[in-house]
Amino acid sequence: MVTMAMGISQARGVFQSAMVGDLGVGRQVFGLASAISHLVFGVGMPFVGALVDRKGSVRVALVGAAVYVLGLIGTAHASTPAELYLASGLLIGLALSATTFSTAVGAVGRVVPAERRSQAFGLLTAGGSFGMFAMVPLAQALQASFGWRGAFLMLALVVAGVFLLALGLKTPAPEAKGGAAQSLGQALREAGGHGGYWLLISGYFVCGFHVAFIGTHLPAYLSDRGMSPTASAVAFSLIGLFNIIGAFWFGRLGDRWRKKYLLSAIYLARAAVIGLFLALPFSDGSAYALAIGMGFLWLGTVPLTSGLVAQIFGVRFLATLSGIVFFSHQVGSFLGAWLGGYAYDLTGSYEAVWLAAVALGLFAAVVHLPIADAPVARQARPAAA
């Protein structure tokens, strides 16, 4: 389920050049539609997470899959910016909040032992990464054969398969006995008073900025620099391929090393990779190197961040608390996707946004270091209403 939902979402950047040309709009419009999708995705995550914690994953995922199909069909028929914002922005954003990490993290976190939880989250993230690797060339091929509108209709058929996959999800079991009884309100107050939770939220904003800016604008940027559509699609697919490796690897490391230090290292490495790409002469080889480097670091943050939330606060309200952290990620995604298009339409270049991505990577590398990552101590208390 996560593989298809995330893969198709992250492949939408392939369609940018064709869509803006056909609709007669600037890249800011495409970027804003993508940004709305990311923001709605983030806004929906805490609420979807709360539903998952209370009702289970199956019904939430089924509704999300249906909305996803509607969003893709609506995108295929869009003829104005407003229609694009509604279909590709609002509907797909809502669908992603119900078909990706909120529904899956809660289910996985409840059934996997704590000592293997980070690795399990890494496998989950790697599944989403494989979706990007698989869906980017598929989207490119569908566009070449059917045009961008026909491609979105074909992808709607693919997403319909999420219905079948969602039927295989099981409702998470209650948290293991022995922990203190806690209500959702108590969990939110506890997390809100924990300084490390806010630092984690701040750092995840940067992750969202990076992946949305690059995911939305890299194909067009590479085309501007003279790469063929095929070579650009290969570079984009390399992000997904190496993300599979990186997500799984960082997930395994998270069960052995302190997650906050791994997160700091990831953000520092991202800043270095982007900085080197900007400093070196552009070539197909440098573009592939950027894709490989960023791909390896792409979503390695997800198992570590989700694992850190579970480590500190437990798994009873993991989907909700992770959803709140992910909202910050999606605020960053909104800015990364929109600001890239805005900067390009204003200046004819993405350079300022690339430089901002480097600076934000350095910021995130620093803010993770002081996180207090020990499990919170709770006294037994009756659950509040």
Protein backbone atom coordinates (compact mmCIF):
# COMPACT_ATOMS: atom_id res chain seq x y z
CA MET A 1 0.00 0.00 0.00
CA VAL A 2 2.70 2.48 1.03
CA THR A 3 4.76 1.46 -2.02
CA MET A 4 2.07 2.45 -4.50
CA ALA A 5 0.81 5.52 -2.66
CA MET A 6 4.22 7.09 -2.09
CA GLY A 7 5.62 5.99 -5.44
CA ILE A 8 2.90 7.64 -7.48
CA SER A 9 2.97 10.79 -5.38
CA GLN A 10 6.73 11.22 -5.75
CA ALA A 11 6.58 10.51 -9.49
CA ARG A 12 4.37 13.52 -10.20
CA GLY A 13 7.39 15.72 -10.84
CA VAL A 14 7.91 13.82 -14.11
CA PHE A 15 4.79 15.50 -15.51
CA GLN A 16 5.72 19.11 -14.69
CA SER A 17 7.05 20.25 -18.07
CA ALA A 18 4.19 18.71 -20.05
CA MET A 19 1.50 19.95 -17.68
CA VAL A 20 2.65 23.57 -17.46
CA GLY A 21 3.01 23.69 -21.24
CA ASP A 22 -0.42 22.21 -21.90
CA LEU A 23 -2.22 24.28 -19.27
CA GLY A 24 -0.35 27.47 -20.17
CA VAL A 25 0.75 28.22 -16.60
CA GLY A 26 4.04 28.87 -14.84
CA ARG A 27 5.97 26.44 -12.71
CA GLN A 28 4.71 28.24 -9.63
CA VAL A 29 1.22 26.83 -10.33
CA PHE A 30 2.52 23.27 -10.54
CA GLY A 31 4.67 23.87 -7.48
CA LEU A 32 1.73 25.30 -5.53
CA ALA A 33 -0.47 22.30 -6.40
CA SER A 34 2.27 20.02 -5.13
CA ALA A 35 2.76 22.24 -2.08
CA ILE A 36 -0.95 22.10 -1.22
CA SER A 37 -0.79 18.33 -1.47
CA HIS A 38 2.14 18.19 0.94
CA LEU A 39 0.50 20.60 3.39
CA VAL A 40 -2.87 18.83 3.39
CA PHE A 41 -1.00 15.54 3.78
CA GLY A 42 0.64 16.95 6.90
CA VAL A 43 -2.49 18.56 8.33
CA GLY A 44 -4.36 15.29 7.95
CA MET A 45 -1.68 13.09 9.53
CA PRO A 46 -2.37 13.81 13.24
CA PHE A 47 -6.12 13.33 12.76
CA VAL A 48 -5.65 10.19 10.69
CA GLY A 49 -3.16 8.97 13.27
CA ALA A 50 -5.73 9.48 16.03
CA LEU A 51 -8.31 7.53 14.00
CA VAL A 52 -5.82 4.72 13.47
CA ASP A 53 -4.98 4.63 17.19
CA ARG A 54 -8.68 4.35 18.02
CA LYS A 55 -10.27 2.50 15.09
CA GLY A 56 -7.47 0.63 13.35
CA SER A 57 -5.87 0.93 9.92
CA VAL A 58 -8.15 -0.95 7.53
CA ARG A 59 -11.10 1.40 7.16
CA VAL A 60 -8.88 4.47 7.14
CA ALA A 61 -6.73 3.07 4.33
CA LEU A 62 -9.75 2.02 2.26
CA VAL A 63 -11.25 5.51 2.39
CA GLY A 64 -7.86 7.02 1.58
CA ALA A 65 -7.44 4.80 -1.47
CA ALA A 66 -10.84 5.85 -2.82
CA VAL A 67 -9.99 9.54 -2.40
CA TYR A 68 -6.62 8.94 -4.11
CA VAL A 69 -8.37 7.51 -7.18
CA LEU A 70 -10.67 10.54 -7.31
CA GLY A 71 -7.70 12.89 -7.04
CA LEU A 72 -5.82 11.25 -9.91
CA ILE A 73 -8.90 11.23 -12.13
CA GLY A 74 -9.55 14.87 -11.27
CA THR A 75 -5.95 15.77 -12.11
CA ALA A 76 -6.30 14.07 -15.49
CA HIS A 77 -9.30 16.28 -16.30
CA ALA A 78 -7.96 19.54 -14.82
CA SER A 79 -7.96 22.51 -17.18
CA THR A 80 -7.47 25.44 -14.77
CA PRO A 81 -5.15 26.10 -11.83
CA ALA A 82 -8.11 25.93 -9.42
CA GLU A 83 -9.03 22.45 -10.64
CA LEU A 84 -5.41 21.37 -10.32
CA TYR A 85 -5.23 22.70 -6.77
CA LEU A 86 -8.41 20.82 -5.85
CA ALA A 87 -7.53 17.47 -7.43
CA SER A 88 -3.75 17.20 -7.25
CA GLY A 89 -3.51 19.35 -4.14
CA LEU A 90 -6.42 18.82 -1.77
CA LEU A 91 -7.69 15.35 -2.74
CA ILE A 92 -4.33 13.66 -3.23
CA GLY A 93 -3.02 15.30 -0.05
CA LEU A 94 -5.94 13.91 1.95
CA ALA A 95 -5.47 10.51 0.36
CA LEU A 96 -1.77 10.37 1.21
CA SER A 97 -2.46 11.09 4.87
CA ALA A 98 -4.63 7.96 4.99
CA THR A 99 -2.66 5.55 2.77
CA THR A 100 0.95 6.02 3.85
CA PHE A 101 2.87 6.29 7.09
CA SER A 102 0.13 7.12 9.62
CA THR A 103 -1.84 3.99 8.83
CA ALA A 104 1.23 1.77 8.57
CA VAL A 105 3.42 3.08 11.41
CA GLY A 106 0.74 2.54 14.03
CA ALA A 107 0.11 -1.02 12.88
CA VAL A 108 3.80 -1.93 12.62
CA GLY A 109 4.81 -0.25 15.88
CA ARG A 110 2.32 -2.27 17.88
CA VAL A 111 3.39 -5.74 16.69
CA VAL A 112 7.19 -5.41 16.45
CA PRO A 113 9.44 -5.73 19.54
CA ALA A 114 11.16 -2.51 20.61
CA GLU A 115 14.63 -3.86 19.79
CA ARG A 116 13.58 -4.42 16.14
CA ARG A 117 11.22 -1.49 15.72
CA SER A 118 13.60 0.88 13.92
CA GLN A 119 14.51 -1.84 11.43
CA ALA A 120 10.82 -2.56 10.83
CA PHE A 121 10.18 1.13 10.18
CA GLY A 122 13.15 1.04 7.81
CA LEU A 123 11.58 -1.82 5.86
CA LEU A 124 8.31 0.11 5.72
CA THR A 125 10.09 3.19 4.41
CA ALA A 126 12.07 1.11 1.92
CA GLY A 127 8.75 -0.12 0.55
CA GLY A 128 7.72 3.46 -0.14
CA SER A 129 11.13 4.08 -1.68
CA PHE A 130 10.73 1.12 -4.02
CA GLY A 131 7.50 2.74 -5.14
CA MET A 132 9.40 5.82 -6.27
CA PHE A 133 11.99 3.67 -8.07
CA ALA A 134 9.27 1.69 -9.84
CA MET A 135 6.73 4.44 -10.51
CA VAL A 136 9.02 7.09 -12.00
CA PRO A 137 9.91 5.08 -15.13
CA LEU A 138 6.33 3.80 -15.31
CA ALA A 139 5.01 7.37 -15.19
CA GLN A 140 7.50 8.41 -17.87
CA ALA A 141 6.47 5.50 -20.10
CA LEU A 142 2.76 6.14 -19.60
CA GLN A 143 3.22 9.81 -20.44
CA ALA A 144 5.12 8.91 -23.61
CA SER A 145 2.35 6.53 -24.68
CA PHE A 146 -0.84 8.26 -23.50
CA GLY A 147 0.12 11.86 -22.68
CA TRP A 148 0.06 13.23 -19.16
CA ARG A 149 -3.73 13.09 -18.87
CA GLY A 150 -3.91 9.47 -19.94
CA ALA A 151 -1.02 8.64 -17.64
CA PHE A 152 -2.90 9.95 -14.61
CA LEU A 153 -5.91 7.82 -15.55
CA MET A 154 -3.69 4.74 -15.80
CA LEU A 155 -2.17 5.54 -12.41
CA ALA A 156 -5.68 5.78 -10.95
CA LEU A 157 -6.14 2.14 -11.93
CA VAL A 158 -2.89 1.28 -10.16
CA VAL A 159 -3.99 3.02 -6.97
CA ALA A 160 -7.23 1.05 -7.04
CA GLY A 161 -5.04 -1.88 -6.05
CA VAL A 162 -4.53 -0.18 -2.68
CA PHE A 163 -8.08 -1.24 -1.88
CA LEU A 164 -7.01 -4.87 -2.09
CA LEU A 165 -3.82 -4.32 -0.11
CA ALA A 166 -5.65 -2.45 2.64
CA LEU A 167 -7.83 -5.50 3.22
CA GLY A 168 -4.71 -7.28 4.46
CA LEU A 169 -4.04 -4.79 7.25
CA LYS A 170 -4.85 -5.85 10.79
CA THR A 171 -6.10 -3.60 13.55
CA PRO A 172 -3.19 -2.85 15.92
CA ALA A 173 -3.23 -4.70 19.20
CA PRO A 174 -3.32 -2.72 22.45
CA GLU A 175 -0.02 -1.68 23.97
CA ALA A 176 1.65 -4.37 26.04
CA LYS A 177 0.66 -4.55 29.70
CA GLY A 178 2.83 -2.96 32.32
CA GLY A 179 2.82 0.63 31.09
CA ALA A 180 0.85 3.39 32.77
CA ALA A 181 -2.68 3.97 31.54
CA GLN A 182 -2.78 7.13 29.44
CA SER A 183 -5.37 9.03 27.46
CA LEU A 184 -4.80 10.85 24.20
CA GLY A 185 -4.99 14.21 25.97
CA GLN A 186 -2.38 13.14 28.49
CA ALA A 187 -0.12 11.89 25.71
CA LEU A 188 -0.38 15.21 23.87
CA ARG A 189 0.38 17.21 27.01
CA GLU A 190 3.33 14.97 27.81
CA ALA A 191 4.81 15.34 24.32
CA GLY A 192 4.13 19.07 24.24
CA GLY A 193 6.12 19.53 27.43
CA HIS A 194 9.11 17.54 26.17
CA GLY A 195 11.82 19.75 24.66
CA GLY A 196 13.19 16.93 22.53
CA TYR A 197 9.83 16.52 20.81
CA TRP A 198 9.96 20.13 19.63
CA LEU A 199 13.54 19.74 18.41
CA LEU A 200 12.48 16.66 16.46
CA ILE A 201 9.62 18.65 14.94
CA SER A 202 12.04 21.44 13.95
CA GLY A 203 14.45 19.06 12.26
CA TYR A 204 11.76 17.19 10.36
CA PHE A 205 10.69 20.47 8.74
CA VAL A 206 14.04 20.45 6.93
CA CYS A 207 13.57 16.90 5.68
CA GLY A 208 10.27 17.92 4.12
CA PHE A 209 11.80 20.97 2.48
CA HIS A 210 14.57 18.89 0.91
CA VAL A 211 12.49 16.04 -0.47
CA ALA A 212 9.65 18.21 -1.77
CA PHE A 213 11.89 20.74 -3.49
CA ILE A 214 13.98 18.07 -5.17
CA GLY A 215 11.07 15.73 -5.82
CA THR A 216 8.98 18.47 -7.43
CA HIS A 217 11.60 20.43 -9.34
CA LEU A 218 14.58 18.17 -10.07
CA PRO A 219 13.22 16.78 -13.38
CA ALA A 220 12.55 20.28 -14.72
CA TYR A 221 15.89 21.54 -13.37
CA LEU A 222 17.78 18.75 -15.12
CA SER A 223 15.87 19.42 -18.32
CA ASP A 224 16.83 23.10 -18.07
CA ARG A 225 20.47 22.02 -17.80
CA GLY A 226 20.21 20.02 -21.03
CA MET A 227 19.52 16.46 -19.84
CA SER A 228 17.18 14.38 -21.96
CA PRO A 229 13.83 13.30 -20.47
CA THR A 230 15.06 9.72 -20.35
CA ALA A 231 18.30 10.62 -18.55
CA SER A 232 16.36 12.85 -16.16
CA ALA A 233 13.96 10.00 -15.38
CA VAL A 234 16.95 7.71 -14.75
CA ALA A 235 18.38 10.22 -12.27
CA PHE A 236 15.03 10.53 -10.55
CA SER A 237 14.71 6.74 -10.36
CA LEU A 238 18.16 6.49 -8.80
CA ILE A 239 16.84 8.50 -5.86
CA GLY A 240 14.20 5.84 -5.30
CA LEU A 241 16.62 2.95 -5.79
CA PHE A 242 19.23 4.19 -3.35
CA ASN A 243 16.52 5.30 -0.96
CA ILE A 244 15.55 1.64 -0.60
CA ILE A 245 19.10 0.86 0.52
CA GLY A 246 19.43 3.92 2.73
CA ALA A 247 16.06 3.58 4.46
CA PHE A 248 16.68 -0.06 5.35
CA TRP A 249 20.29 0.58 6.39
CA PHE A 250 19.50 3.53 8.63
CA GLY A 251 16.58 1.59 10.09
CA ARG A 252 18.96 -1.22 11.10
CA LEU A 253 21.49 1.23 12.49
CA GLY A 254 18.74 2.83 14.56
CA ASP A 255 18.39 -0.39 16.55
CA ARG A 256 22.11 -0.26 17.42
CA TRP A 257 23.16 3.38 17.63
CA ARG A 258 21.53 6.47 19.08
CA LYS A 259 18.97 7.69 16.61
CA LYS A 260 19.50 11.39 17.26
CA TYR A 261 23.15 11.16 16.19
CA LEU A 262 22.24 9.25 13.04
CA LEU A 263 19.68 11.93 12.19
CA SER A 264 22.26 14.66 12.70
CA ALA A 265 24.67 12.81 10.41
CA ILE A 266 22.03 12.43 7.69
CA TYR A 267 21.26 16.15 7.59
CA LEU A 268 24.94 17.09 7.61
CA ALA A 269 25.56 14.67 4.74
CA ARG A 270 22.65 16.14 2.77
CA ALA A 271 24.12 19.62 3.10
CA ALA A 272 27.48 18.29 1.90
CA VAL A 273 26.00 16.42 -1.09
CA ILE A 274 23.99 19.42 -2.29
CA GLY A 275 26.90 21.79 -1.68
CA LEU A 276 29.26 19.63 -3.75
CA PHE A 277 26.71 19.36 -6.54
CA LEU A 278 26.48 23.14 -6.73
CA ALA A 279 30.25 23.63 -6.52
CA LEU A 280 31.20 21.13 -9.24
CA PRO A 281 30.61 21.64 -12.98
CA PHE A 282 27.26 20.26 -14.10
CA SER A 283 27.18 17.04 -16.11
CA ASP A 284 25.02 13.97 -16.41
CA GLY A 285 27.49 12.29 -14.08
CA SER A 286 27.15 14.97 -11.40
CA ALA A 287 23.36 14.73 -11.66
CA TYR A 288 23.52 10.97 -11.17
CA ALA A 289 25.88 11.47 -8.21
CA LEU A 290 23.43 13.91 -6.63
CA ALA A 291 20.60 11.44 -7.16
CA ILE A 292 22.57 8.57 -5.63
CA GLY A 293 23.75 10.62 -2.65
CA MET A 294 20.40 12.22 -1.89
CA GLY A 295 18.62 8.94 -2.58
CA PHE A 296 20.68 7.16 0.05
CA LEU A 297 19.82 9.93 2.53
CA TRP A 298 16.29 10.58 1.22
CA LEU A 299 13.96 8.96 3.74
CA GLY A 300 16.45 7.41 6.12
CA THR A 301 15.07 10.01 8.51
CA VAL A 302 11.66 8.31 8.64
CA PRO A 303 12.49 5.10 10.56
CA LEU A 304 14.79 7.04 12.87
CA THR A 305 12.27 9.79 13.61
CA SER A 306 9.34 7.40 14.09
CA GLY A 307 11.58 5.12 16.12
CA LEU A 308 12.67 8.01 18.33
CA VAL A 309 9.06 9.01 19.00
CA ALA A 310 8.26 5.41 19.96
CA GLN A 311 11.40 5.16 22.09
CA ILE A 312 10.60 8.28 24.09
CA PHE A 313 6.80 8.08 24.37
CA GLY A 314 5.88 4.43 23.69
CA VAL A 315 3.58 3.07 20.99
CA ARG A 316 0.10 3.59 22.49
CA PHE A 317 -0.37 6.87 20.60
CA LEU A 318 2.50 6.45 18.16
CA ALA A 319 0.43 7.18 15.05
CA THR A 320 -0.89 10.42 16.56
CA LEU A 321 2.43 11.71 17.91
CA SER A 322 4.30 10.72 14.74
CA GLY A 323 1.57 12.41 12.71
CA ILE A 324 2.14 15.69 14.54
CA VAL A 325 5.87 15.49 13.87
CA PHE A 326 5.11 14.67 10.26
CA PHE A 327 2.95 17.78 9.99
CA SER A 328 6.12 19.82 10.44
CA HIS A 329 7.72 17.74 7.68
CA GLN A 330 4.86 18.65 5.38
CA VAL A 331 5.03 22.36 6.22
CA GLY A 332 8.62 22.14 5.02
CA SER A 333 7.40 20.23 1.99
CA PHE A 334 4.88 22.96 1.20
CA LEU A 335 7.59 25.61 1.27
CA GLY A 336 10.07 23.50 -0.69
CA ALA A 337 7.63 22.72 -3.48
CA TRP A 338 6.09 26.18 -3.70
CA LEU A 339 9.24 28.22 -3.14
CA GLY A 340 11.07 26.34 -5.88
CA GLY A 341 8.45 27.31 -8.45
CA TYR A 342 8.13 30.84 -7.12
CA ALA A 343 11.88 31.43 -7.19
CA TYR A 344 12.15 30.06 -10.72
CA ASP A 345 9.31 32.19 -12.08
CA LEU A 346 10.78 35.24 -10.33
CA THR A 347 14.47 34.81 -11.20
CA GLY A 348 14.64 32.10 -13.87
CA SER A 349 16.84 30.02 -11.56
CA TYR A 350 16.64 27.58 -8.65
CA GLU A 351 20.02 28.63 -7.22
CA ALA A 352 18.69 30.50 -4.17
CA VAL A 353 16.57 27.52 -3.12
CA TRP A 354 19.49 25.11 -3.54
CA LEU A 355 21.55 27.32 -1.23
CA ALA A 356 18.70 27.47 1.28
CA ALA A 357 18.61 23.67 1.25
CA VAL A 358 22.29 23.57 2.24
CA ALA A 359 21.77 26.04 5.10
CA LEU A 360 18.73 24.17 6.39
CA GLY A 361 20.66 20.90 6.35
CA LEU A 362 23.29 22.42 8.62
CA PHE A 363 20.57 23.74 10.93
CA ALA A 364 18.93 20.33 11.22
CA ALA A 365 22.27 18.64 11.90
CA VAL A 366 22.68 20.86 14.96
CA VAL A 367 19.16 20.76 16.45
CA HIS A 368 19.08 16.96 16.80
CA LEU A 369 22.16 16.80 19.02
CA PRO A 370 20.60 18.01 22.33
CA ILE A 371 17.45 15.82 22.10
CA ALA A 372 16.80 13.97 25.38
CA ASP A 373 16.05 10.50 24.01
CA ALA A 374 15.48 8.47 27.20
CA PRO A 375 11.97 6.97 27.61
CA VAL A 376 9.74 9.24 29.65
CA ALA A 377 9.05 8.08 33.21
CA ARG A 378 5.36 7.79 34.02
CA GLN A 379 3.55 7.17 37.27
CA ALA A 380 0.54 4.87 37.16
CA ARG A 381 -2.63 6.89 36.78
CA PRO A 382 -6.17 6.29 35.60
CA ALA A 383 -6.88 7.26 32.00
CA ALA A 384 -8.66 10.58 31.66
CA ALA A 385 -11.69 11.04 29.50
